[in-house]
Amino acid sequence: MRKLSVWRVIKSGWQGFIRNYWLSTATVAVMVLALFMLGCLALFNVMTQAVVANLEGRVDVSVYFNQDTEEAKVLGVRQELVALSEVKSVDYVSQDEALKRFSERHKDNAVLMQSLQELDQNPLQPSLNIKANYASQYETIANYLNDERFKGMIDRVNYKQNKDLIERLTSLTGNIQTAGIVISLVLGLIAALVSFNTIRLTMYTWRDEISVMRLVGASNWFVRGPFVVEGVIYGVVSGVMALLLMYPMLYFVSPKITNFLPGVDLMYFYQANFWEFFFLLVAVGLLLGGTSSLIAIRRYLKD
């Protein structure tokens, strides 16, 4: 008997979805738009993270050692830095490597190259190029290198020269992340409100039938069930359609973004994480449709 009642509820919900095709179409269209924006927002967050990582990858701090510092001591400092949690990577540049890079960079400057050849020794210093996990961590690394035990080896740390750039980058990344959170909350709230009000309109068109069902003694569960099923159908259909709409959008947009931001391929990310997107959009659609139906029907069950 219980199974029969469940089947009737599901069948009634499906019939309601099919019978009111114009209202179902309008509800699904609104929810598709909301879920499509959610999917685009997820891709936007991926893009902003890539931009932040790209900007942070362009910034580093270099430590220049005195020319008479033994290579073993320089490598010892490198090992200490690698062990720090704030440090992402440390590259050692010997005097010979520094000279090679300098010569390659200024090979078209004949005067400079001639002056360099007239010197009796390599004027460049060995150095360590340090990359932190986050731009905000460079100050901690610079303070670590100011320890007294490094005074006899380290000639200078170029943190102060890069400090303004690093601080601006830290501020920019913080603003981007904050903006992403705010946009997510706003769009999420708009999607929930629009979906709720659209489904509530569906409830309103069924108010007379709900009253009749209650007059003949139908339980709250039997009255509520078909509308929850209908809301779930809205959510599933909307999630799948939003997922399908993202493909043609990315087909045209992704190459342009890749040209502007090399290394950021949203189409590849979408395809590689297709099932994650599928479950995200369908789950949010189910939540919006089912919850909105439950809340909207409560008003008529209290009358």
Protein backbone atom coordinates (compact mmCIF):
# COMPACT_ATOMS: atom_id res chain seq x y z
CA MET A 1 0.00 0.00 0.00
CA ARG A 2 2.81 2.30 0.91
CA LYS A 3 4.59 1.56 -2.39
CA LEU A 4 1.37 2.28 -4.27
CA SER A 5 1.01 5.67 -2.56
CA VAL A 6 4.62 6.58 -3.39
CA TRP A 7 4.08 5.61 -7.01
CA ARG A 8 0.91 7.71 -7.18
CA VAL A 9 2.77 10.71 -5.72
CA ILE A 10 5.58 10.36 -8.27
CA LYS A 11 3.10 9.86 -11.12
CA SER A 12 1.06 12.87 -10.01
CA GLY A 13 4.19 15.02 -9.84
CA TRP A 14 5.24 13.96 -13.34
CA GLN A 15 1.77 14.59 -14.72
CA GLY A 16 1.76 18.04 -13.15
CA PHE A 17 5.09 18.79 -14.83
CA ILE A 18 3.80 17.65 -18.23
CA ARG A 19 0.25 19.06 -17.98
CA ASN A 20 1.34 22.61 -17.14
CA TYR A 21 3.98 22.65 -19.85
CA TRP A 22 3.96 26.44 -20.27
CA LEU A 23 4.50 27.07 -16.56
CA SER A 24 6.99 24.21 -16.35
CA THR A 25 8.89 25.73 -19.28
CA ALA A 26 8.99 29.13 -17.57
CA THR A 27 10.13 27.59 -14.26
CA VAL A 28 12.81 25.47 -15.92
CA ALA A 29 14.02 28.47 -17.96
CA VAL A 30 14.50 30.54 -14.81
CA MET A 31 16.27 27.72 -13.00
CA VAL A 32 18.46 26.99 -16.03
CA LEU A 33 19.55 30.62 -16.02
CA ALA A 34 20.30 30.47 -12.30
CA LEU A 35 22.26 27.21 -12.61
CA PHE A 36 24.03 28.41 -15.75
CA MET A 37 25.22 31.47 -13.82
CA LEU A 38 26.39 29.16 -11.04
CA GLY A 39 28.41 27.09 -13.52
CA CYS A 40 29.89 30.24 -15.07
CA LEU A 41 30.76 31.47 -11.60
CA ALA A 42 32.64 28.22 -10.89
CA LEU A 43 34.61 28.73 -14.11
CA PHE A 44 35.19 32.38 -13.21
CA ASN A 45 36.69 31.28 -9.90
CA VAL A 46 38.99 28.89 -11.77
CA MET A 47 40.06 31.73 -14.06
CA THR A 48 40.71 34.18 -11.21
CA GLN A 49 42.75 31.56 -9.36
CA ALA A 50 44.82 31.05 -12.52
CA VAL A 51 45.31 34.82 -12.86
CA VAL A 52 46.40 35.10 -9.23
CA ALA A 53 48.78 32.15 -9.61
CA ASN A 54 50.18 33.69 -12.80
CA LEU A 55 50.78 37.05 -11.09
CA GLU A 56 52.33 35.43 -8.05
CA GLY A 57 54.56 33.35 -10.31
CA ARG A 58 56.04 36.54 -11.77
CA VAL A 59 57.20 37.81 -8.39
CA ASP A 60 60.17 36.50 -6.44
CA VAL A 61 62.82 37.60 -3.97
CA SER A 62 66.50 37.25 -4.79
CA VAL A 63 69.27 36.85 -2.21
CA TYR A 64 72.74 37.94 -3.36
CA PHE A 65 75.78 36.50 -1.58
CA ASN A 66 79.26 37.95 -1.23
CA GLN A 67 81.59 36.74 -3.98
CA ASP A 68 83.91 35.01 -1.53
CA THR A 69 81.07 32.92 -0.04
CA GLU A 70 81.67 29.21 -0.52
CA GLU A 71 79.15 27.39 -2.70
CA ALA A 72 78.52 24.84 0.07
CA LYS A 73 77.38 27.63 2.41
CA VAL A 74 75.06 29.06 -0.24
CA LEU A 75 73.54 25.62 -0.78
CA GLY A 76 73.21 25.25 2.99
CA VAL A 77 71.13 28.44 3.14
CA ARG A 78 69.07 27.07 0.25
CA GLN A 79 68.32 23.91 2.21
CA GLU A 80 67.15 25.97 5.18
CA LEU A 81 64.85 28.03 2.97
CA VAL A 82 63.39 24.96 1.25
CA ALA A 83 62.41 23.63 4.69
CA LEU A 84 60.29 26.75 5.43
CA SER A 85 56.54 26.25 4.99
CA GLU A 86 56.22 29.65 3.30
CA VAL A 87 58.69 28.77 0.53
CA LYS A 88 57.47 27.19 -2.69
CA SER A 89 60.82 26.85 -4.48
CA VAL A 90 64.42 28.08 -4.32
CA ASP A 91 66.67 28.20 -7.40
CA TYR A 92 70.43 28.50 -7.03
CA VAL A 93 72.23 30.68 -9.59
CA SER A 94 76.01 30.34 -9.48
CA GLN A 95 78.40 33.09 -10.58
CA ASP A 96 79.05 31.33 -13.88
CA GLU A 97 75.33 30.84 -14.54
CA ALA A 98 74.64 34.47 -13.61
CA LEU A 99 77.30 35.63 -16.08
CA LYS A 100 75.89 33.38 -18.80
CA ARG A 101 72.37 34.77 -18.29
CA PHE A 102 73.64 38.35 -18.16
CA SER A 103 75.60 37.89 -21.40
CA GLU A 104 72.60 36.34 -23.13
CA ARG A 105 70.31 39.13 -21.99
CA HIS A 106 72.67 41.92 -23.11
CA LYS A 107 74.28 40.29 -26.14
CA ASP A 108 73.14 43.15 -28.40
CA ASN A 109 74.85 45.79 -26.24
CA ALA A 110 78.36 45.84 -27.74
CA VAL A 111 79.75 48.42 -25.30
CA LEU A 112 78.58 46.52 -22.24
CA MET A 113 79.86 43.19 -23.55
CA GLN A 114 83.26 44.68 -24.37
CA SER A 115 83.51 46.19 -20.88
CA LEU A 116 82.63 42.82 -19.37
CA GLN A 117 85.38 41.07 -21.36
CA GLU A 118 88.00 43.54 -20.13
CA LEU A 119 87.39 42.60 -16.51
CA ASP A 120 89.82 40.13 -14.92
CA GLN A 121 87.10 38.29 -12.98
CA ASN A 122 83.41 37.59 -12.94
CA PRO A 123 81.76 40.64 -11.31
CA LEU A 124 78.45 38.92 -10.65
CA GLN A 125 77.40 37.32 -7.38
CA PRO A 126 75.90 33.91 -6.64
CA SER A 127 72.25 34.17 -5.70
CA LEU A 128 69.10 32.34 -4.66
CA ASN A 129 65.80 33.11 -6.34
CA ILE A 130 62.97 32.43 -3.89
CA LYS A 131 59.30 31.93 -4.69
CA ALA A 132 56.77 31.90 -1.87
CA ASN A 133 53.46 30.05 -1.84
CA TYR A 134 51.64 33.38 -1.47
CA ALA A 135 52.77 36.94 -2.09
CA SER A 136 51.99 37.89 1.52
CA GLN A 137 54.71 35.49 2.76
CA TYR A 138 57.70 37.27 1.24
CA GLU A 139 58.06 39.58 4.22
CA THR A 140 58.38 36.57 6.56
CA ILE A 141 61.08 35.10 4.31
CA ALA A 142 62.95 38.41 4.14
CA ASN A 143 62.87 38.70 7.94
CA TYR A 144 64.25 35.17 8.22
CA LEU A 145 67.20 36.12 6.01
CA ASN A 146 67.97 39.14 8.18
CA ASP A 147 69.14 36.82 10.95
CA GLU A 148 72.61 37.64 12.37
CA ARG A 149 74.11 34.32 11.30
CA PHE A 150 73.66 35.25 7.63
CA LYS A 151 75.34 38.67 7.92
CA GLY A 152 78.77 37.49 6.79
CA MET A 153 77.41 35.72 3.69
CA ILE A 154 74.50 37.74 2.35
CA ASP A 155 75.25 40.99 0.59
CA ARG A 156 71.64 42.06 0.01
CA VAL A 157 68.06 40.87 -0.34
CA ASN A 158 66.00 42.67 -2.98
CA TYR A 159 62.76 42.44 -0.99
CA LYS A 160 62.65 46.20 -0.35
CA GLN A 161 62.92 46.94 -4.08
CA ASN A 162 60.01 44.59 -4.77
CA LYS A 163 58.04 45.44 -1.63
CA ASP A 164 55.60 47.87 -3.27
CA LEU A 165 54.88 45.43 -6.11
CA ILE A 166 54.41 42.54 -3.67
CA GLU A 167 52.08 44.59 -1.46
CA ARG A 168 50.01 45.66 -4.48
CA LEU A 169 49.84 42.05 -5.63
CA THR A 170 48.77 40.91 -2.16
CA SER A 171 46.04 43.56 -2.13
CA LEU A 172 44.92 42.64 -5.67
CA THR A 173 44.69 38.90 -4.94
CA GLY A 174 42.78 39.61 -1.74
CA ASN A 175 40.32 41.86 -3.62
CA ILE A 176 39.82 39.25 -6.37
CA GLN A 177 39.09 36.52 -3.85
CA THR A 178 36.72 38.76 -1.86
CA ALA A 179 34.92 39.80 -5.04
CA GLY A 180 34.53 36.13 -6.01
CA ILE A 181 32.95 35.31 -2.63
CA VAL A 182 30.61 38.32 -2.76
CA ILE A 183 29.53 37.57 -6.34
CA SER A 184 28.93 33.92 -5.41
CA LEU A 185 26.72 34.88 -2.46
CA VAL A 186 24.75 37.47 -4.45
CA LEU A 187 24.14 35.17 -7.43
CA GLY A 188 23.26 32.30 -5.11
CA LEU A 189 20.71 34.45 -3.28
CA ILE A 190 19.22 35.73 -6.55
CA ALA A 191 18.97 32.19 -7.93
CA ALA A 192 17.26 30.94 -4.75
CA LEU A 193 14.77 33.85 -4.64
CA VAL A 194 13.89 33.67 -8.34
CA SER A 195 13.46 29.90 -8.27
CA PHE A 196 11.38 30.03 -5.08
CA ASN A 197 9.04 32.71 -6.42
CA THR A 198 8.64 30.94 -9.75
CA ILE A 199 7.72 27.65 -8.06
CA ARG A 200 5.43 29.51 -5.67
CA LEU A 201 3.56 30.77 -8.73
CA THR A 202 3.11 27.13 -9.73
CA MET A 203 1.64 26.41 -6.28
CA TYR A 204 -0.74 29.32 -6.70
CA THR A 205 -2.17 27.88 -9.92
CA TRP A 206 -2.87 24.64 -8.05
CA ARG A 207 -4.42 26.24 -4.95
CA ASP A 208 -7.96 25.06 -5.76
CA GLU A 209 -6.86 21.47 -6.33
CA ILE A 210 -4.90 21.56 -3.07
CA SER A 211 -8.04 22.73 -1.24
CA VAL A 212 -10.09 19.90 -2.76
CA MET A 213 -7.45 17.33 -1.78
CA ARG A 214 -7.52 18.58 1.79
CA LEU A 215 -11.34 18.56 1.92
CA VAL A 216 -11.44 14.88 0.92
CA GLY A 217 -9.02 14.05 3.74
CA ALA A 218 -5.71 13.70 1.92
CA SER A 219 -2.73 13.76 4.28
CA ASN A 220 -0.20 16.56 4.20
CA TRP A 221 2.36 14.11 2.84
CA PHE A 222 0.07 13.12 -0.04
CA VAL A 223 -0.66 16.78 -0.85
CA ARG A 224 2.96 17.88 -0.56
CA GLY A 225 4.51 14.90 -2.37
CA PRO A 226 3.56 15.64 -6.00
CA PHE A 227 4.80 19.22 -5.74
CA VAL A 228 8.10 18.12 -4.23
CA VAL A 229 8.45 15.57 -7.05
CA GLU A 230 7.61 18.30 -9.55
CA GLY A 231 10.24 20.58 -7.96
CA VAL A 232 12.80 17.76 -8.14
CA ILE A 233 12.01 17.29 -11.84
CA TYR A 234 12.49 21.03 -12.38
CA GLY A 235 15.87 20.76 -10.69
CA VAL A 236 17.12 17.72 -12.63
CA VAL A 237 15.96 19.01 -16.03
CA SER A 238 17.36 22.48 -15.32
CA GLY A 239 20.70 21.09 -14.15
CA VAL A 240 21.15 18.95 -17.26
CA MET A 241 20.13 21.79 -19.60
CA ALA A 242 22.46 24.26 -17.87
CA LEU A 243 25.28 21.74 -18.21
CA LEU A 244 24.59 21.33 -21.93
CA LEU A 245 24.40 25.10 -22.49
CA MET A 246 27.87 25.58 -21.03
CA TYR A 247 29.52 23.57 -23.80
CA PRO A 248 28.70 25.88 -26.79
CA MET A 249 29.45 28.91 -24.60
CA LEU A 250 32.91 27.56 -23.72
CA TYR A 251 33.49 26.48 -27.33
CA PHE A 252 33.46 30.13 -28.39
CA VAL A 253 34.76 31.84 -25.24
CA SER A 254 37.55 29.50 -24.09
CA PRO A 255 39.96 30.14 -27.04
CA LYS A 256 39.67 33.90 -26.53
CA ILE A 257 40.44 33.58 -22.82
CA THR A 258 43.39 31.27 -23.62
CA ASN A 259 44.79 33.88 -26.03
CA PHE A 260 44.52 36.52 -23.32
CA LEU A 261 45.66 34.24 -20.47
CA PRO A 262 47.99 31.51 -21.79
CA GLY A 263 47.74 28.38 -19.70
CA VAL A 264 44.06 28.95 -18.83
CA ASP A 265 41.95 26.49 -20.86
CA LEU A 266 38.40 26.54 -19.52
CA MET A 267 37.14 24.05 -22.09
CA TYR A 268 39.74 21.51 -20.99
CA PHE A 269 38.89 22.14 -17.34
CA TYR A 270 35.18 21.69 -18.08
CA GLN A 271 35.74 18.43 -19.96
CA ALA A 272 38.19 17.09 -17.36
CA ASN A 273 35.75 17.88 -14.54
CA PHE A 274 32.50 17.15 -16.41
CA TRP A 275 31.05 14.82 -13.80
CA GLU A 276 31.90 17.22 -10.99
CA PHE A 277 29.97 19.93 -12.86
CA PHE A 278 27.15 17.47 -13.52
CA PHE A 279 26.72 16.54 -9.88
CA LEU A 280 27.13 20.17 -8.75
CA LEU A 281 24.46 21.60 -11.05
CA VAL A 282 22.01 18.72 -10.65
CA ALA A 283 22.46 18.68 -6.86
CA VAL A 284 21.92 22.45 -6.61
CA GLY A 285 18.92 22.12 -8.97
CA LEU A 286 17.45 19.40 -6.76
CA LEU A 287 18.04 21.54 -3.69
CA LEU A 288 16.47 24.63 -5.26
CA GLY A 289 13.49 22.79 -6.75
CA GLY A 290 12.76 20.46 -3.83
CA THR A 291 13.31 23.00 -1.05
CA SER A 292 11.42 25.76 -2.85
CA SER A 293 8.46 23.40 -3.35
CA LEU A 294 8.46 22.39 0.31
CA ILE A 295 8.53 25.99 1.50
CA ALA A 296 5.97 27.22 -1.04
CA ILE A 297 3.41 24.47 -0.29
CA ARG A 298 3.55 25.09 3.48
CA ARG A 299 1.36 28.15 3.08
CA TYR A 300 -1.50 26.12 1.60
CA LEU A 301 -1.21 23.32 4.14
CA LYS A 302 -1.78 25.81 6.97
CA ASP A 303 -5.01 27.21 5.55
